[in-house]
């Protein structure tokens, strides 16, 4: 299992590891369904992603906006989940039973990059997303993939945001707290930090 989880922003070490693991002759599956189309279209999101990674030699990228249409993940060299609304993303994954395909893919040495919302879904639950996202889709089961040691994941953490710090201090579950530019690298369930982050709520308390 190779799982890369970004808290937001640019993370050069995480990107470089992602690129180093990709066979440039293979195909990357880009999934933008968390994205808010009222902000810009899926196609615009795809073009932005392609422009960044084409520069590194990744030319074969396929976009998927309907998870029901994907039958076989193993033909893809890597999967990239774009950020956006975490509740929207997880609901689409569960309704299509795409979660079962993801677990099988990862268990067969698959490579997945999750950005922001695409990272939060791999925690024990996505309850942390309530700080930044609205659950407009009415998702009731907030259970995530639980691939980071029983922790939830909080993205886009800003040290100077008092409201954010209070939310985290009162959060009921253990957290990996990721700043923009930080992330997690999970290799066969072994977790490594990539960039500035806090490993627990206790770290937040010590700094406030």
C-alpha atoms as a PDB file:
ATOM      1  CA  UNK A   1       0.000   0.000   0.000  1.00  0.00           C
ATOM      2  CA  UNK A   2       1.241   3.443  -0.963  1.00  0.00           C
ATOM      3  CA  UNK A   3      -0.916   6.289   0.283  1.00  0.00           C
ATOM      4  CA  UNK A   4       0.014   9.973   0.031  1.00  0.00           C
ATOM      5  CA  UNK A   5      -2.137  12.449   1.946  1.00  0.00           C
ATOM      6  CA  UNK A   6      -1.794  16.215   1.546  1.00  0.00           C
ATOM      7  CA  UNK A   7      -3.143  18.799   3.985  1.00  0.00           C
ATOM      8  CA  UNK A   8      -3.392  21.348   1.171  1.00  0.00           C
ATOM      9  CA  UNK A   9      -1.110  23.718  -0.677  1.00  0.00           C
ATOM     10  CA  UNK A  10       2.113  22.607  -2.354  1.00  0.00           C
ATOM     11  CA  UNK A  11       4.142  19.766  -0.885  1.00  0.00           C
ATOM     12  CA  UNK A  12       7.241  19.218  -3.015  1.00  0.00           C
ATOM     13  CA  UNK A  13       8.555  16.106  -1.189  1.00  0.00           C
ATOM     14  CA  UNK A  14       5.141  14.431  -1.421  1.00  0.00           C
ATOM     15  CA  UNK A  15       4.807  15.346  -5.107  1.00  0.00           C
ATOM     16  CA  UNK A  16       8.304  14.137  -5.871  1.00  0.00           C
ATOM     17  CA  UNK A  17       7.644  10.814  -4.171  1.00  0.00           C
ATOM     18  CA  UNK A  18       4.380  10.462  -6.114  1.00  0.00           C
ATOM     19  CA  UNK A  19       6.139  11.121  -9.405  1.00  0.00           C
ATOM     20  CA  UNK A  20       9.008   8.765  -8.570  1.00  0.00           C
ATOM     21  CA  UNK A  21       6.565   5.883  -8.102  1.00  0.00           C
ATOM     22  CA  UNK A  22       4.756   6.304 -11.419  1.00  0.00           C
ATOM     23  CA  UNK A  23       5.543   4.443 -14.610  1.00  0.00           C
ATOM     24  CA  UNK A  24       5.309   7.288 -17.111  1.00  0.00           C
ATOM     25  CA  UNK A  25       3.905   4.889 -19.682  1.00  0.00           C
ATOM     26  CA  UNK A  26       0.991   4.099 -17.377  1.00  0.00           C
ATOM     27  CA  UNK A  27      -2.239   6.012 -16.712  1.00  0.00           C
ATOM     28  CA  UNK A  28      -3.176   8.150 -13.711  1.00  0.00           C
ATOM     29  CA  UNK A  29      -6.867   8.239 -12.741  1.00  0.00           C
ATOM     30  CA  UNK A  30      -7.897  11.757 -11.681  1.00  0.00           C
ATOM     31  CA  UNK A  31     -11.075  11.987  -9.559  1.00  0.00           C
ATOM     32  CA  UNK A  32     -12.351  15.557  -8.973  1.00  0.00           C
ATOM     33  CA  UNK A  33     -15.864  14.775  -7.688  1.00  0.00           C
ATOM     34  CA  UNK A  34     -15.280  16.526  -4.334  1.00  0.00           C
ATOM     35  CA  UNK A  35     -14.736  19.756  -6.247  1.00  0.00           C
ATOM     36  CA  UNK A  36     -17.324  22.557  -6.165  1.00  0.00           C
ATOM     37  CA  UNK A  37     -18.444  23.065  -9.767  1.00  0.00           C
ATOM     38  CA  UNK A  38     -19.988  26.430  -8.893  1.00  0.00           C
ATOM     39  CA  UNK A  39     -16.400  27.639  -8.437  1.00  0.00           C
ATOM     40  CA  UNK A  40     -15.058  26.122 -11.670  1.00  0.00           C
ATOM     41  CA  UNK A  41     -15.791  23.092 -13.816  1.00  0.00           C
ATOM     42  CA  UNK A  42     -14.378  19.595 -13.494  1.00  0.00           C
ATOM     43  CA  UNK A  43     -12.709  20.167 -16.846  1.00  0.00           C
ATOM     44  CA  UNK A  44     -10.957  23.272 -15.566  1.00  0.00           C
ATOM     45  CA  UNK A  45      -9.817  21.321 -12.514  1.00  0.00           C
ATOM     46  CA  UNK A  46      -8.526  18.555 -14.784  1.00  0.00           C
ATOM     47  CA  UNK A  47      -6.636  21.020 -16.962  1.00  0.00           C
ATOM     48  CA  UNK A  48      -4.968  22.554 -13.906  1.00  0.00           C
ATOM     49  CA  UNK A  49      -3.892  19.134 -12.626  1.00  0.00           C
ATOM     50  CA  UNK A  50      -2.674  18.060 -16.064  1.00  0.00           C
ATOM     51  CA  UNK A  51      -0.639  21.212 -16.578  1.00  0.00           C
ATOM     52  CA  UNK A  52       1.204  20.620 -13.300  1.00  0.00           C
ATOM     53  CA  UNK A  53       1.979  16.944 -13.791  1.00  0.00           C
ATOM     54  CA  UNK A  54       2.569  17.033 -17.551  1.00  0.00           C
ATOM     55  CA  UNK A  55       5.620  19.076 -16.621  1.00  0.00           C
ATOM     56  CA  UNK A  56       6.970  16.019 -14.784  1.00  0.00           C
ATOM     57  CA  UNK A  57       6.339  13.706 -17.726  1.00  0.00           C
ATOM     58  CA  UNK A  58       2.960  12.338 -16.668  1.00  0.00           C
ATOM     59  CA  UNK A  59       1.031  12.537 -19.932  1.00  0.00           C
ATOM     60  CA  UNK A  60      -1.583   9.793 -19.633  1.00  0.00           C
ATOM     61  CA  UNK A  61      -4.267  11.100 -17.285  1.00  0.00           C
ATOM     62  CA  UNK A  62      -7.908  10.019 -17.313  1.00  0.00           C
ATOM     63  CA  UNK A  63     -10.602  11.952 -15.482  1.00  0.00           C
ATOM     64  CA  UNK A  64     -13.497  10.139 -13.792  1.00  0.00           C
ATOM     65  CA  UNK A  65     -16.609  11.959 -12.542  1.00  0.00           C
ATOM     66  CA  UNK A  66     -18.827   8.845 -12.309  1.00  0.00           C
ATOM     67  CA  UNK A  67     -17.454   6.205  -9.950  1.00  0.00           C
ATOM     68  CA  UNK A  68     -20.036   3.664 -11.130  1.00  0.00           C
ATOM     69  CA  UNK A  69     -18.293   3.655 -14.522  1.00  0.00           C
ATOM     70  CA  UNK A  70     -14.972   2.313 -13.191  1.00  0.00           C
ATOM     71  CA  UNK A  71     -14.858  -1.471 -13.096  1.00  0.00           C
ATOM     72  CA  UNK A  72     -11.142  -2.192 -12.850  1.00  0.00           C
ATOM     73  CA  UNK A  73      -8.744   0.040 -10.933  1.00  0.00           C
ATOM     74  CA  UNK A  74      -5.734  -2.201 -11.488  1.00  0.00           C
ATOM     75  CA  UNK A  75      -5.160  -0.859 -14.987  1.00  0.00           C
ATOM     76  CA  UNK A  76      -4.272   2.517 -13.456  1.00  0.00           C
ATOM     77  CA  UNK A  77      -0.755   3.347 -12.384  1.00  0.00           C
ATOM     78  CA  UNK A  78      -2.014   5.722  -9.683  1.00  0.00           C
ATOM     79  CA  UNK A  79      -5.206   7.381  -8.431  1.00  0.00           C
ATOM     80  CA  UNK A  80      -5.478  11.037  -7.434  1.00  0.00           C
ATOM     81  CA  UNK A  81      -8.414  12.373  -5.370  1.00  0.00           C
ATOM     82  CA  UNK A  82      -8.799  16.141  -5.736  1.00  0.00           C
ATOM     83  CA  UNK A  83      -9.953  18.301  -2.840  1.00  0.00           C
ATOM     84  CA  UNK A  84     -13.316  19.960  -2.282  1.00  0.00           C
ATOM     85  CA  UNK A  85     -16.253  18.882  -0.142  1.00  0.00           C
ATOM     86  CA  UNK A  86     -15.371  15.819   1.933  1.00  0.00           C
ATOM     87  CA  UNK A  87     -18.989  14.777   2.539  1.00  0.00           C
ATOM     88  CA  UNK A  88     -19.803  14.899  -1.160  1.00  0.00           C
ATOM     89  CA  UNK A  89     -16.765  12.789  -1.996  1.00  0.00           C
ATOM     90  CA  UNK A  90     -17.317  10.096   0.630  1.00  0.00           C
ATOM     91  CA  UNK A  91     -21.019   9.796  -0.195  1.00  0.00           C
ATOM     92  CA  UNK A  92     -20.215   9.190  -3.869  1.00  0.00           C
ATOM     93  CA  UNK A  93     -17.602   6.603  -2.899  1.00  0.00           C
ATOM     94  CA  UNK A  94     -19.957   4.707  -0.601  1.00  0.00           C
ATOM     95  CA  UNK A  95     -22.985   4.801  -2.878  1.00  0.00           C
ATOM     96  CA  UNK A  96     -20.958   3.370  -5.770  1.00  0.00           C
ATOM     97  CA  UNK A  97     -19.197   0.825  -3.502  1.00  0.00           C
ATOM     98  CA  UNK A  98     -15.982   2.359  -4.785  1.00  0.00           C
ATOM     99  CA  UNK A  99     -14.548   1.975  -1.301  1.00  0.00           C
ATOM    100  CA  UNK A 100     -14.290  -1.784  -1.836  1.00  0.00           C
ATOM    101  CA  UNK A 101     -12.375  -1.238  -5.071  1.00  0.00           C
ATOM    102  CA  UNK A 102     -10.016   1.223  -3.356  1.00  0.00           C
ATOM    103  CA  UNK A 103      -9.171  -1.212  -0.549  1.00  0.00           C
ATOM    104  CA  UNK A 104      -8.501  -3.999  -3.041  1.00  0.00           C
ATOM    105  CA  UNK A 105      -6.367  -1.645  -5.123  1.00  0.00           C
ATOM    106  CA  UNK A 106      -4.276  -0.536  -2.137  1.00  0.00           C
ATOM    107  CA  UNK A 107      -3.869  -4.123  -0.918  1.00  0.00           C
ATOM    108  CA  UNK A 108      -2.354  -4.959  -4.292  1.00  0.00           C
ATOM    109  CA  UNK A 109       0.373  -2.311  -3.927  1.00  0.00           C
ATOM    110  CA  UNK A 110      -1.723   0.467  -5.420  1.00  0.00           C
ATOM    111  CA  UNK A 111      -0.660   4.120  -5.271  1.00  0.00           C
ATOM    112  CA  UNK A 112      -3.185   6.782  -4.160  1.00  0.00           C
ATOM    113  CA  UNK A 113      -2.703  10.509  -3.623  1.00  0.00           C
ATOM    114  CA  UNK A 114      -5.412  12.272  -1.631  1.00  0.00           C
ATOM    115  CA  UNK A 115      -5.470  16.071  -1.534  1.00  0.00           C
ATOM    116  CA  UNK A 116      -7.361  17.844   1.302  1.00  0.00           C
ATOM    117  CA  UNK A 117     -10.841  16.249   1.180  1.00  0.00           C
ATOM    118  CA  UNK A 118      -9.177  13.414  -0.693  1.00  0.00           C
ATOM    119  CA  UNK A 119      -6.911  12.947   2.336  1.00  0.00           C
ATOM    120  CA  UNK A 120      -9.549  13.306   5.068  1.00  0.00           C
ATOM    121  CA  UNK A 121     -11.530  10.301   3.798  1.00  0.00           C
ATOM    122  CA  UNK A 122      -8.638   7.990   4.726  1.00  0.00           C
ATOM    123  CA  UNK A 123      -8.935   8.794   8.433  1.00  0.00           C
ATOM    124  CA  UNK A 124     -11.062   6.873  10.928  1.00  0.00           C
ATOM    125  CA  UNK A 125     -13.932   9.291  10.283  1.00  0.00           C
ATOM    126  CA  UNK A 126     -14.481  12.520   8.347  1.00  0.00           C
ATOM    127  CA  UNK A 127     -16.022  14.401  11.265  1.00  0.00           C
ATOM    128  CA  UNK A 128     -13.093  16.848  11.174  1.00  0.00           C
ATOM    129  CA  UNK A 129     -14.381  18.126   7.820  1.00  0.00           C
ATOM    130  CA  UNK A 130     -17.268  19.892   9.569  1.00  0.00           C
ATOM    131  CA  UNK A 131     -14.956  22.812  10.326  1.00  0.00           C
ATOM    132  CA  UNK A 132     -14.523  23.708   6.640  1.00  0.00           C
ATOM    133  CA  UNK A 133     -17.293  21.822   4.787  1.00  0.00           C
ATOM    134  CA  UNK A 134     -21.090  21.728   4.850  1.00  0.00           C
ATOM    135  CA  UNK A 135     -22.788  18.348   4.786  1.00  0.00           C
ATOM    136  CA  UNK A 136     -25.241  19.462   2.122  1.00  0.00           C
ATOM    137  CA  UNK A 137     -25.499  15.919   0.724  1.00  0.00           C
ATOM    138  CA  UNK A 138     -26.907  14.570   3.988  1.00  0.00           C
ATOM    139  CA  UNK A 139     -24.226  11.941   4.557  1.00  0.00           C
ATOM    140  CA  UNK A 140     -25.041  10.010   7.754  1.00  0.00           C
ATOM    141  CA  UNK A 141     -22.239   7.438   7.917  1.00  0.00           C
ATOM    142  CA  UNK A 142     -19.052   9.456   8.445  1.00  0.00           C
ATOM    143  CA  UNK A 143     -16.797   6.409   8.719  1.00  0.00           C
ATOM    144  CA  UNK A 144     -13.621   6.788   6.662  1.00  0.00           C
ATOM    145  CA  UNK A 145     -11.114   4.205   5.465  1.00  0.00           C
ATOM    146  CA  UNK A 146      -9.257   4.173   8.807  1.00  0.00           C
ATOM    147  CA  UNK A 147      -5.796   3.777   7.278  1.00  0.00           C
ATOM    148  CA  UNK A 148      -3.866   6.162   9.559  1.00  0.00           C
ATOM    149  CA  UNK A 149      -3.726   4.335  12.866  1.00  0.00           C
ATOM    150  CA  UNK A 150      -7.225   5.133  14.094  1.00  0.00           C
ATOM    151  CA  UNK A 151      -6.748   8.899  13.762  1.00  0.00           C
ATOM    152  CA  UNK A 152      -8.887  11.399  11.897  1.00  0.00           C
ATOM    153  CA  UNK A 153      -7.249  13.987   9.626  1.00  0.00           C
ATOM    154  CA  UNK A 154      -7.603  17.767   9.843  1.00  0.00           C
ATOM    155  CA  UNK A 155      -6.437  19.766   6.804  1.00  0.00           C
ATOM    156  CA  UNK A 156      -5.494  23.407   6.156  1.00  0.00           C
ATOM    157  CA  UNK A 157      -4.526  24.040   9.774  1.00  0.00           C
ATOM    158  CA  UNK A 158      -3.539  27.627  10.574  1.00  0.00           C
ATOM    159  CA  UNK A 159      -1.729  28.158  13.876  1.00  0.00           C
ATOM    160  CA  UNK A 160      -3.105  31.666  14.389  1.00  0.00           C
ATOM    161  CA  UNK A 161      -6.790  30.848  13.902  1.00  0.00           C
ATOM    162  CA  UNK A 162      -8.304  30.859  17.404  1.00  0.00           C
ATOM    163  CA  UNK A 163     -11.638  29.419  16.277  1.00  0.00           C
ATOM    164  CA  UNK A 164      -9.821  26.571  14.556  1.00  0.00           C
ATOM    165  CA  UNK A 165      -7.692  25.875  17.634  1.00  0.00           C
ATOM    166  CA  UNK A 166     -10.742  25.728  19.901  1.00  0.00           C
ATOM    167  CA  UNK A 167     -12.437  23.327  17.485  1.00  0.00           C
ATOM    168  CA  UNK A 168      -9.398  21.040  17.498  1.00  0.00           C
ATOM    169  CA  UNK A 169      -8.957  21.138  21.286  1.00  0.00           C
ATOM    170  CA  UNK A 170     -12.552  19.992  21.764  1.00  0.00           C
ATOM    171  CA  UNK A 171     -12.487  17.431  18.980  1.00  0.00           C
ATOM    172  CA  UNK A 172     -13.568  13.999  20.279  1.00  0.00           C
ATOM    173  CA  UNK A 173     -11.151  11.815  18.300  1.00  0.00           C
ATOM    174  CA  UNK A 174      -7.373  11.639  17.846  1.00  0.00           C
ATOM    175  CA  UNK A 175      -6.127  13.758  14.953  1.00  0.00           C
ATOM    176  CA  UNK A 176      -3.318  14.191  12.498  1.00  0.00           C
ATOM    177  CA  UNK A 177      -3.320  17.973  12.058  1.00  0.00           C
ATOM    178  CA  UNK A 178      -1.949  19.005   8.670  1.00  0.00           C
ATOM    179  CA  UNK A 179      -0.940  22.511   7.664  1.00  0.00           C
ATOM    180  CA  UNK A 180      -0.906  23.597   4.035  1.00  0.00           C
ATOM    181  CA  UNK A 181       2.304  22.188   2.627  1.00  0.00           C
ATOM    182  CA  UNK A 182       2.370  19.209   4.988  1.00  0.00           C
ATOM    183  CA  UNK A 183       1.196  15.662   4.569  1.00  0.00           C
ATOM    184  CA  UNK A 184       1.468  11.992   5.412  1.00  0.00           C
ATOM    185  CA  UNK A 185       3.180   9.182   3.569  1.00  0.00           C
ATOM    186  CA  UNK A 186       1.667   5.792   4.467  1.00  0.00           C
ATOM    187  CA  UNK A 187       3.618   2.765   3.275  1.00  0.00           C
ATOM    188  CA  UNK A 188       2.129  -0.573   4.301  1.00  0.00           C
ATOM    189  CA  UNK A 189       0.463   1.132   7.306  1.00  0.00           C
ATOM    190  CA  UNK A 190       3.715   2.774   8.460  1.00  0.00           C
ATOM    191  CA  UNK A 191       3.107   6.522   8.728  1.00  0.00           C
ATOM    192  CA  UNK A 192       5.681   9.201   7.999  1.00  0.00           C
ATOM    193  CA  UNK A 193       5.154  12.971   8.191  1.00  0.00           C
ATOM    194  CA  UNK A 194       6.006  15.083   5.154  1.00  0.00           C
ATOM    195  CA  UNK A 195       6.307  18.742   6.115  1.00  0.00           C
ATOM    196  CA  UNK A 196       5.108  20.781   9.089  1.00  0.00           C
ATOM    197  CA  UNK A 197       2.273  19.193  10.999  1.00  0.00           C
ATOM    198  CA  UNK A 198       1.043  18.330  14.493  1.00  0.00           C
ATOM    199  CA  UNK A 199       0.732  14.714  15.519  1.00  0.00           C
ATOM    200  CA  UNK A 200      -1.903  15.208  18.189  1.00  0.00           C
ATOM    201  CA  UNK A 201      -4.205  17.683  19.893  1.00  0.00           C
ATOM    202  CA  UNK A 202      -1.723  17.740  22.755  1.00  0.00           C
ATOM    203  CA  UNK A 203       0.795  19.431  20.463  1.00  0.00           C
ATOM    204  CA  UNK A 204      -1.751  22.181  19.809  1.00  0.00           C
ATOM    205  CA  UNK A 205      -2.339  22.656  23.530  1.00  0.00           C
ATOM    206  CA  UNK A 206       1.389  22.962  24.210  1.00  0.00           C
ATOM    207  CA  UNK A 207       1.693  25.729  21.656  1.00  0.00           C
ATOM    208  CA  UNK A 208      -1.276  27.782  22.874  1.00  0.00           C
END
